[in-house]
């Protein structure tokens, strides 16, 4: 995905990050949370279709259905400097684990996964570690 300066400006304005370098510099550094826009250019929900995710969910009666998904946490880790407008990155997706928890409404699967951002030289530039919860199907008890 090419990181377009117009999108960096748009994101900065939408999030109130009005630092001049985000708005005026065509090779601006991207706001760190800009990487959350990955959901617009990569289908990261495919992590819920992996056999390991499905098995972990089905073991407790949870169907991996994104309509029953809660996004709980995102943590960004940068390797080297921030990415800049004009750079191109490729994403990767890795399932880290599936754990089971019992909530007030029944069992849920906590899915931990990572999206990686690699530059054109093959260097890992950033990672986003996600934690999401898939809630139990209605009527399923732990």
N, C-alpha and C. Protein backbone atom coordinates (compact mmCIF):
# COMPACT_ATOMS: atom_id res chain seq x y z
N UNK A 1 0.83 -1.17 0.00
CA UNK A 1 0.00 0.00 0.00
C UNK A 1 0.88 1.24 0.00
N UNK A 2 0.71 2.12 -0.99
CA UNK A 2 1.43 3.40 -0.93
C UNK A 2 0.78 4.31 0.11
N UNK A 3 1.59 4.93 0.92
CA UNK A 3 1.08 5.87 1.93
C UNK A 3 0.97 7.24 1.27
N UNK A 4 -0.24 7.65 1.00
CA UNK A 4 -0.49 8.90 0.29
C UNK A 4 -0.55 10.07 1.27
N UNK A 5 0.12 11.16 0.91
CA UNK A 5 0.13 12.33 1.77
C UNK A 5 -1.28 12.86 2.00
N UNK A 6 -2.12 12.85 0.98
CA UNK A 6 -3.50 13.32 1.14
C UNK A 6 -4.24 12.55 2.23
N UNK A 7 -3.99 11.24 2.30
CA UNK A 7 -4.63 10.41 3.33
C UNK A 7 -4.04 10.70 4.71
N UNK A 8 -2.73 10.98 4.76
CA UNK A 8 -2.11 11.35 6.03
C UNK A 8 -2.72 12.65 6.53
N UNK A 9 -2.87 13.65 5.64
CA UNK A 9 -3.50 14.94 6.01
C UNK A 9 -4.93 14.72 6.49
N UNK A 10 -5.68 13.93 5.71
CA UNK A 10 -7.08 13.66 6.04
C UNK A 10 -7.20 13.01 7.41
N UNK A 11 -6.36 12.03 7.68
CA UNK A 11 -6.37 11.34 8.96
C UNK A 11 -6.00 12.30 10.09
N UNK A 12 -4.96 13.10 9.88
CA UNK A 12 -4.52 14.06 10.90
C UNK A 12 -5.63 15.05 11.23
N UNK A 13 -6.29 15.55 10.21
CA UNK A 13 -7.40 16.49 10.46
C UNK A 13 -8.56 15.81 11.18
N UNK A 14 -8.89 14.60 10.77
CA UNK A 14 -10.02 13.88 11.37
C UNK A 14 -9.77 13.53 12.83
N UNK A 15 -8.50 13.33 13.20
CA UNK A 15 -8.19 12.92 14.57
C UNK A 15 -7.70 14.08 15.43
N UNK A 16 -7.67 15.27 14.85
CA UNK A 16 -7.23 16.44 15.62
C UNK A 16 -5.72 16.51 15.80
N UNK A 17 -4.98 15.78 15.00
CA UNK A 17 -3.52 15.80 15.09
C UNK A 17 -3.00 16.83 14.09
N UNK A 18 -3.21 18.11 14.40
CA UNK A 18 -2.93 19.19 13.46
C UNK A 18 -1.51 19.69 13.44
N UNK A 19 -0.53 18.83 13.75
CA UNK A 19 0.87 19.27 13.69
C UNK A 19 1.19 19.70 12.26
N UNK A 20 1.90 20.81 12.09
CA UNK A 20 2.18 21.32 10.75
C UNK A 20 2.83 20.31 9.81
N UNK A 21 3.72 19.47 10.33
CA UNK A 21 4.38 18.52 9.43
C UNK A 21 3.39 17.51 8.83
N UNK A 22 2.32 17.16 9.57
CA UNK A 22 1.32 16.25 9.02
C UNK A 22 0.53 16.92 7.89
N UNK A 23 0.32 18.22 8.03
CA UNK A 23 -0.56 18.94 7.11
C UNK A 23 0.16 19.58 5.93
N UNK A 24 1.41 19.96 6.09
CA UNK A 24 2.10 20.77 5.08
C UNK A 24 3.25 20.08 4.35
N UNK A 25 3.70 18.94 4.83
CA UNK A 25 4.89 18.31 4.27
C UNK A 25 4.50 17.10 3.41
N UNK A 26 4.81 17.12 2.10
CA UNK A 26 4.43 15.99 1.24
C UNK A 26 5.14 14.67 1.57
N UNK A 27 6.17 14.71 2.40
CA UNK A 27 6.80 13.47 2.89
C UNK A 27 6.68 13.42 4.42
N UNK A 28 5.51 13.82 4.90
CA UNK A 28 5.23 13.89 6.33
C UNK A 28 5.38 12.53 7.00
N UNK A 29 5.85 12.53 8.26
CA UNK A 29 5.75 11.29 9.03
C UNK A 29 4.28 11.01 9.28
N UNK A 30 3.92 9.76 9.37
CA UNK A 30 2.51 9.45 9.63
C UNK A 30 2.25 9.46 11.12
N UNK A 31 1.08 9.94 11.55
CA UNK A 31 0.73 9.80 12.97
C UNK A 31 0.78 8.31 13.32
N UNK A 32 1.31 7.94 14.46
CA UNK A 32 1.47 6.52 14.79
C UNK A 32 0.19 5.70 14.63
N UNK A 33 -0.95 6.27 15.00
CA UNK A 33 -2.20 5.50 14.91
C UNK A 33 -2.77 5.46 13.49
N UNK A 34 -2.13 6.13 12.54
CA UNK A 34 -2.54 6.05 11.13
C UNK A 34 -2.59 4.60 10.66
N UNK A 35 -1.74 3.77 11.23
CA UNK A 35 -1.69 2.37 10.81
C UNK A 35 -3.01 1.64 11.07
N UNK A 36 -3.86 2.19 11.93
CA UNK A 36 -5.17 1.57 12.16
C UNK A 36 -6.03 1.60 10.90
N UNK A 37 -5.68 2.44 9.93
CA UNK A 37 -6.44 2.50 8.68
C UNK A 37 -6.19 1.27 7.82
N UNK A 38 -5.36 0.35 8.28
CA UNK A 38 -5.11 -0.89 7.55
C UNK A 38 -6.42 -1.60 7.22
N UNK A 39 -7.45 -1.43 8.05
CA UNK A 39 -8.73 -2.10 7.80
C UNK A 39 -9.38 -1.64 6.50
N UNK A 40 -8.96 -0.50 5.95
CA UNK A 40 -9.52 -0.02 4.69
C UNK A 40 -8.79 -0.58 3.47
N UNK A 41 -7.58 -1.10 3.67
CA UNK A 41 -6.83 -1.57 2.51
C UNK A 41 -6.32 -3.00 2.64
N UNK A 42 -6.68 -3.68 3.71
CA UNK A 42 -6.36 -5.09 3.85
C UNK A 42 -7.46 -5.75 4.66
N UNK A 43 -7.84 -6.94 4.29
CA UNK A 43 -8.90 -7.66 4.98
C UNK A 43 -8.30 -8.42 6.17
N UNK A 44 -8.05 -7.71 7.26
CA UNK A 44 -7.43 -8.37 8.41
C UNK A 44 -8.40 -9.31 9.13
N UNK A 45 -9.69 -9.20 8.84
CA UNK A 45 -10.65 -10.10 9.49
C UNK A 45 -10.47 -11.54 9.01
N UNK A 46 -9.63 -11.76 7.99
CA UNK A 46 -9.38 -13.14 7.54
C UNK A 46 -8.69 -13.97 8.63
N UNK A 47 -8.14 -13.32 9.65
CA UNK A 47 -7.54 -14.06 10.76
C UNK A 47 -8.58 -14.92 11.46
N UNK A 48 -9.85 -14.52 11.40
CA UNK A 48 -10.91 -15.28 12.06
C UNK A 48 -11.35 -16.49 11.24
N UNK A 49 -10.86 -16.59 10.01
CA UNK A 49 -11.16 -17.74 9.15
C UNK A 49 -10.06 -18.80 9.19
N UNK A 50 -8.96 -18.53 9.88
CA UNK A 50 -7.87 -19.50 9.96
C UNK A 50 -8.33 -20.75 10.71
N UNK A 51 -7.87 -21.93 10.30
CA UNK A 51 -8.28 -23.17 10.98
C UNK A 51 -7.99 -23.14 12.49
N UNK A 52 -6.86 -22.55 12.89
CA UNK A 52 -6.50 -22.49 14.31
C UNK A 52 -7.48 -21.61 15.09
N UNK A 53 -7.91 -20.51 14.48
CA UNK A 53 -8.88 -19.63 15.14
C UNK A 53 -10.22 -20.33 15.26
N UNK A 54 -10.66 -20.95 14.17
CA UNK A 54 -11.95 -21.65 14.17
C UNK A 54 -11.96 -22.77 15.22
N UNK A 55 -10.88 -23.55 15.29
CA UNK A 55 -10.81 -24.66 16.25
C UNK A 55 -10.86 -24.14 17.68
N UNK A 56 -10.11 -23.08 17.97
CA UNK A 56 -10.11 -22.50 19.31
C UNK A 56 -11.48 -21.97 19.72
N UNK A 57 -12.17 -21.40 18.77
CA UNK A 57 -13.51 -20.86 19.05
C UNK A 57 -14.54 -21.97 19.22
N UNK A 58 -14.51 -22.91 18.29
CA UNK A 58 -15.51 -23.98 18.30
C UNK A 58 -15.40 -24.86 19.53
N UNK A 59 -14.19 -24.94 20.12
CA UNK A 59 -13.99 -25.75 21.32
C UNK A 59 -14.86 -25.26 22.48
N UNK A 60 -15.27 -24.00 22.45
CA UNK A 60 -16.11 -23.46 23.53
C UNK A 60 -17.47 -22.99 23.02
N UNK A 61 -17.82 -23.39 21.80
CA UNK A 61 -19.14 -23.06 21.27
C UNK A 61 -19.27 -21.66 20.72
N UNK A 62 -18.16 -21.07 20.31
CA UNK A 62 -18.19 -19.72 19.74
C UNK A 62 -17.94 -19.83 18.24
N UNK A 63 -18.84 -19.26 17.47
CA UNK A 63 -18.65 -19.22 16.02
C UNK A 63 -17.87 -17.97 15.66
N UNK A 64 -16.78 -18.10 14.88
CA UNK A 64 -16.01 -16.91 14.49
C UNK A 64 -16.82 -16.03 13.52
N UNK A 65 -17.68 -15.22 14.07
CA UNK A 65 -18.57 -14.35 13.29
C UNK A 65 -18.23 -12.90 13.64
N UNK A 66 -17.72 -12.13 12.67
CA UNK A 66 -17.29 -10.77 12.96
C UNK A 66 -18.44 -9.87 13.43
N UNK A 67 -19.68 -10.30 13.24
CA UNK A 67 -20.81 -9.52 13.77
C UNK A 67 -20.90 -9.63 15.29
N UNK A 68 -20.18 -10.60 15.87
CA UNK A 68 -20.16 -10.78 17.33
C UNK A 68 -18.77 -10.48 17.87
N UNK A 69 -18.08 -9.56 17.22
CA UNK A 69 -16.69 -9.23 17.54
C UNK A 69 -16.60 -7.94 18.33
N UNK A 70 -15.79 -7.96 19.36
CA UNK A 70 -15.44 -6.75 20.11
C UNK A 70 -13.95 -6.50 19.92
N UNK A 71 -13.60 -5.32 19.49
CA UNK A 71 -12.20 -4.94 19.37
C UNK A 71 -11.78 -4.39 20.72
N UNK A 72 -10.80 -5.00 21.37
CA UNK A 72 -10.46 -4.64 22.74
C UNK A 72 -9.20 -3.79 22.85
N UNK A 73 -8.17 -4.12 22.07
CA UNK A 73 -6.89 -3.45 22.28
C UNK A 73 -6.06 -3.47 21.00
N UNK A 74 -5.33 -2.38 20.79
CA UNK A 74 -4.34 -2.30 19.73
C UNK A 74 -3.08 -1.70 20.33
N UNK A 75 -1.97 -2.31 20.07
CA UNK A 75 -0.69 -1.80 20.56
C UNK A 75 0.27 -1.73 19.37
N UNK A 76 0.85 -0.56 19.17
CA UNK A 76 1.75 -0.36 18.04
C UNK A 76 3.19 -0.45 18.50
N UNK A 77 3.99 -1.14 17.69
CA UNK A 77 5.41 -1.28 17.96
C UNK A 77 6.14 -0.86 16.69
N UNK A 78 7.06 0.10 16.81
CA UNK A 78 7.79 0.60 15.66
C UNK A 78 9.23 0.13 15.71
N UNK A 79 9.73 -0.23 14.55
CA UNK A 79 11.11 -0.69 14.40
C UNK A 79 11.83 0.36 13.56
N UNK A 80 12.62 1.18 14.20
CA UNK A 80 13.24 2.29 13.49
C UNK A 80 12.30 3.50 13.54
N UNK A 81 12.46 4.39 12.59
CA UNK A 81 11.66 5.61 12.57
C UNK A 81 10.25 5.38 12.07
N UNK A 82 9.45 6.42 12.21
CA UNK A 82 8.07 6.37 11.73
C UNK A 82 8.05 6.26 10.21
N UNK A 83 6.98 5.70 9.69
CA UNK A 83 6.76 5.68 8.25
C UNK A 83 6.43 7.10 7.80
N UNK A 84 6.64 7.36 6.50
CA UNK A 84 6.38 8.69 5.93
C UNK A 84 5.50 8.59 4.69
N UNK A 85 4.79 9.67 4.42
CA UNK A 85 4.04 9.77 3.18
C UNK A 85 5.01 9.53 2.03
N UNK A 86 4.55 8.83 1.01
CA UNK A 86 5.39 8.51 -0.14
C UNK A 86 6.02 7.13 -0.05
N UNK A 87 6.06 6.54 1.14
CA UNK A 87 6.60 5.18 1.28
C UNK A 87 5.50 4.17 0.93
N UNK A 88 5.94 2.96 0.63
CA UNK A 88 5.02 1.86 0.34
C UNK A 88 5.29 0.75 1.34
N UNK A 89 4.23 0.19 1.89
CA UNK A 89 4.36 -0.92 2.83
C UNK A 89 3.51 -2.10 2.38
N UNK A 90 3.95 -3.26 2.80
CA UNK A 90 3.21 -4.49 2.58
C UNK A 90 2.82 -5.00 3.96
N UNK A 91 1.62 -5.54 4.06
CA UNK A 91 1.18 -6.06 5.36
C UNK A 91 1.27 -7.57 5.40
N UNK A 92 1.43 -8.07 6.60
CA UNK A 92 1.37 -9.50 6.88
C UNK A 92 0.45 -9.71 8.07
N UNK A 93 -0.04 -10.90 8.23
CA UNK A 93 -0.99 -11.20 9.30
C UNK A 93 -0.57 -12.48 9.99
N UNK A 94 -0.55 -12.45 11.33
CA UNK A 94 -0.12 -13.61 12.11
C UNK A 94 -1.06 -13.81 13.29
N UNK A 95 -1.58 -15.01 13.44
CA UNK A 95 -2.35 -15.37 14.62
C UNK A 95 -1.37 -15.67 15.74
N UNK A 96 -1.53 -15.03 16.89
CA UNK A 96 -0.64 -15.27 18.02
C UNK A 96 -1.21 -16.30 18.98
N UNK A 97 -2.50 -16.17 19.31
CA UNK A 97 -3.12 -17.16 20.20
C UNK A 97 -4.63 -16.95 20.26
N UNK A 98 -5.30 -17.98 20.74
CA UNK A 98 -6.73 -17.92 21.04
C UNK A 98 -6.86 -18.44 22.46
N UNK A 99 -7.45 -17.63 23.32
CA UNK A 99 -7.66 -18.08 24.70
C UNK A 99 -9.14 -17.96 25.04
N UNK A 100 -9.55 -18.72 26.02
CA UNK A 100 -10.96 -18.76 26.40
C UNK A 100 -11.17 -18.00 27.70
N UNK A 101 -12.24 -17.23 27.73
CA UNK A 101 -12.64 -16.50 28.94
C UNK A 101 -14.13 -16.69 29.13
N UNK A 102 -14.58 -16.55 30.37
CA UNK A 102 -16.01 -16.57 30.64
C UNK A 102 -16.44 -15.18 31.02
N UNK A 103 -17.38 -14.64 30.27
CA UNK A 103 -17.93 -13.32 30.55
C UNK A 103 -19.31 -13.44 31.16
N UNK A 104 -19.93 -12.32 31.45
CA UNK A 104 -21.27 -12.32 32.05
C UNK A 104 -22.30 -12.99 31.16
N UNK A 105 -22.10 -12.90 29.84
CA UNK A 105 -23.08 -13.48 28.92
C UNK A 105 -22.63 -14.83 28.37
N UNK A 106 -21.58 -15.41 28.95
CA UNK A 106 -21.13 -16.73 28.51
C UNK A 106 -19.70 -16.72 28.02
N UNK A 107 -19.31 -17.80 27.36
CA UNK A 107 -17.93 -17.93 26.92
C UNK A 107 -17.60 -16.96 25.79
N UNK A 108 -16.31 -16.61 25.73
CA UNK A 108 -15.82 -15.81 24.62
C UNK A 108 -14.41 -16.26 24.31
N UNK A 109 -14.05 -16.06 23.04
CA UNK A 109 -12.71 -16.39 22.59
C UNK A 109 -11.93 -15.10 22.43
N UNK A 110 -10.81 -15.00 23.12
CA UNK A 110 -9.92 -13.85 23.01
C UNK A 110 -8.90 -14.20 21.93
N UNK A 111 -8.95 -13.44 20.83
CA UNK A 111 -8.07 -13.71 19.69
C UNK A 111 -6.99 -12.64 19.66
N UNK A 112 -5.75 -13.09 19.77
CA UNK A 112 -4.59 -12.19 19.74
C UNK A 112 -3.89 -12.40 18.39
N UNK A 113 -3.73 -11.30 17.64
CA UNK A 113 -3.06 -11.41 16.35
C UNK A 113 -2.26 -10.16 16.07
N UNK A 114 -1.37 -10.27 15.10
CA UNK A 114 -0.46 -9.18 14.77
C UNK A 114 -0.51 -8.89 13.27
N UNK A 115 -0.56 -7.60 12.94
CA UNK A 115 -0.41 -7.14 11.56
C UNK A 115 0.97 -6.52 11.46
N UNK A 116 1.75 -6.97 10.48
CA UNK A 116 3.10 -6.43 10.28
C UNK A 116 3.11 -5.50 9.08
N UNK A 117 4.00 -4.52 9.11
CA UNK A 117 4.17 -3.53 8.04
C UNK A 117 5.63 -3.56 7.61
N UNK A 118 5.86 -3.99 6.38
CA UNK A 118 7.21 -4.17 5.85
C UNK A 118 7.42 -3.20 4.69
N UNK A 119 8.59 -2.56 4.64
CA UNK A 119 8.86 -1.60 3.55
C UNK A 119 9.35 -2.32 2.29
N UNK A 120 9.60 -1.55 1.23
CA UNK A 120 9.99 -2.12 -0.06
C UNK A 120 11.34 -2.82 -0.02
N UNK A 121 12.13 -2.60 1.02
CA UNK A 121 13.43 -3.25 1.18
C UNK A 121 13.31 -4.54 2.00
N UNK A 122 12.08 -4.89 2.38
CA UNK A 122 11.87 -6.09 3.18
C UNK A 122 12.10 -5.89 4.66
N UNK A 123 12.29 -4.64 5.08
CA UNK A 123 12.54 -4.34 6.50
C UNK A 123 11.21 -4.21 7.25
N UNK A 124 11.11 -4.88 8.39
CA UNK A 124 9.95 -4.74 9.26
C UNK A 124 9.98 -3.34 9.86
N UNK A 125 8.95 -2.55 9.62
CA UNK A 125 8.92 -1.17 10.10
C UNK A 125 7.99 -0.98 11.29
N UNK A 126 6.92 -1.77 11.33
CA UNK A 126 5.96 -1.60 12.43
C UNK A 126 5.14 -2.87 12.58
N UNK A 127 4.58 -3.01 13.78
CA UNK A 127 3.64 -4.10 14.06
C UNK A 127 2.49 -3.53 14.86
N UNK A 128 1.32 -4.06 14.61
CA UNK A 128 0.16 -3.72 15.43
C UNK A 128 -0.34 -5.01 16.04
N UNK A 129 -0.32 -5.07 17.37
CA UNK A 129 -0.78 -6.24 18.11
C UNK A 129 -2.23 -5.99 18.53
N UNK A 130 -3.12 -6.84 18.06
CA UNK A 130 -4.55 -6.70 18.31
C UNK A 130 -5.01 -7.74 19.32
N UNK A 131 -6.00 -7.36 20.12
CA UNK A 131 -6.75 -8.31 20.94
C UNK A 131 -8.22 -8.05 20.65
N UNK A 132 -8.91 -9.11 20.22
CA UNK A 132 -10.33 -9.02 19.93
C UNK A 132 -11.04 -10.15 20.66
N UNK A 133 -12.30 -9.94 20.96
CA UNK A 133 -13.10 -10.98 21.62
C UNK A 133 -14.25 -11.36 20.69
N UNK A 134 -14.42 -12.66 20.51
CA UNK A 134 -15.58 -13.18 19.80
C UNK A 134 -16.52 -13.71 20.85
N UNK A 135 -17.72 -13.17 20.87
CA UNK A 135 -18.70 -13.54 21.89
C UNK A 135 -19.41 -14.83 21.54
N UNK A 136 -19.90 -15.50 22.58
CA UNK A 136 -20.62 -16.76 22.40
C UNK A 136 -21.88 -16.54 21.58
N UNK A 137 -22.27 -17.60 20.95
CA UNK A 137 -23.55 -17.59 20.22
C UNK A 137 -24.67 -17.49 21.25
N UNK A 138 -25.75 -16.80 20.93
CA UNK A 138 -26.86 -16.70 21.89
C UNK A 138 -27.32 -18.09 22.34
N UNK A 139 -27.52 -18.23 23.63
CA UNK A 139 -28.00 -19.48 24.18
C UNK A 139 -26.91 -20.46 24.58
N UNK A 140 -25.66 -20.17 24.28
CA UNK A 140 -24.56 -21.07 24.63
C UNK A 140 -24.05 -20.66 26.02
N UNK A 141 -23.93 -21.62 26.92
CA UNK A 141 -23.41 -21.35 28.26
C UNK A 141 -22.08 -22.06 28.44
N UNK A 142 -21.23 -21.48 29.28
CA UNK A 142 -19.91 -22.08 29.55
C UNK A 142 -20.04 -23.33 30.40
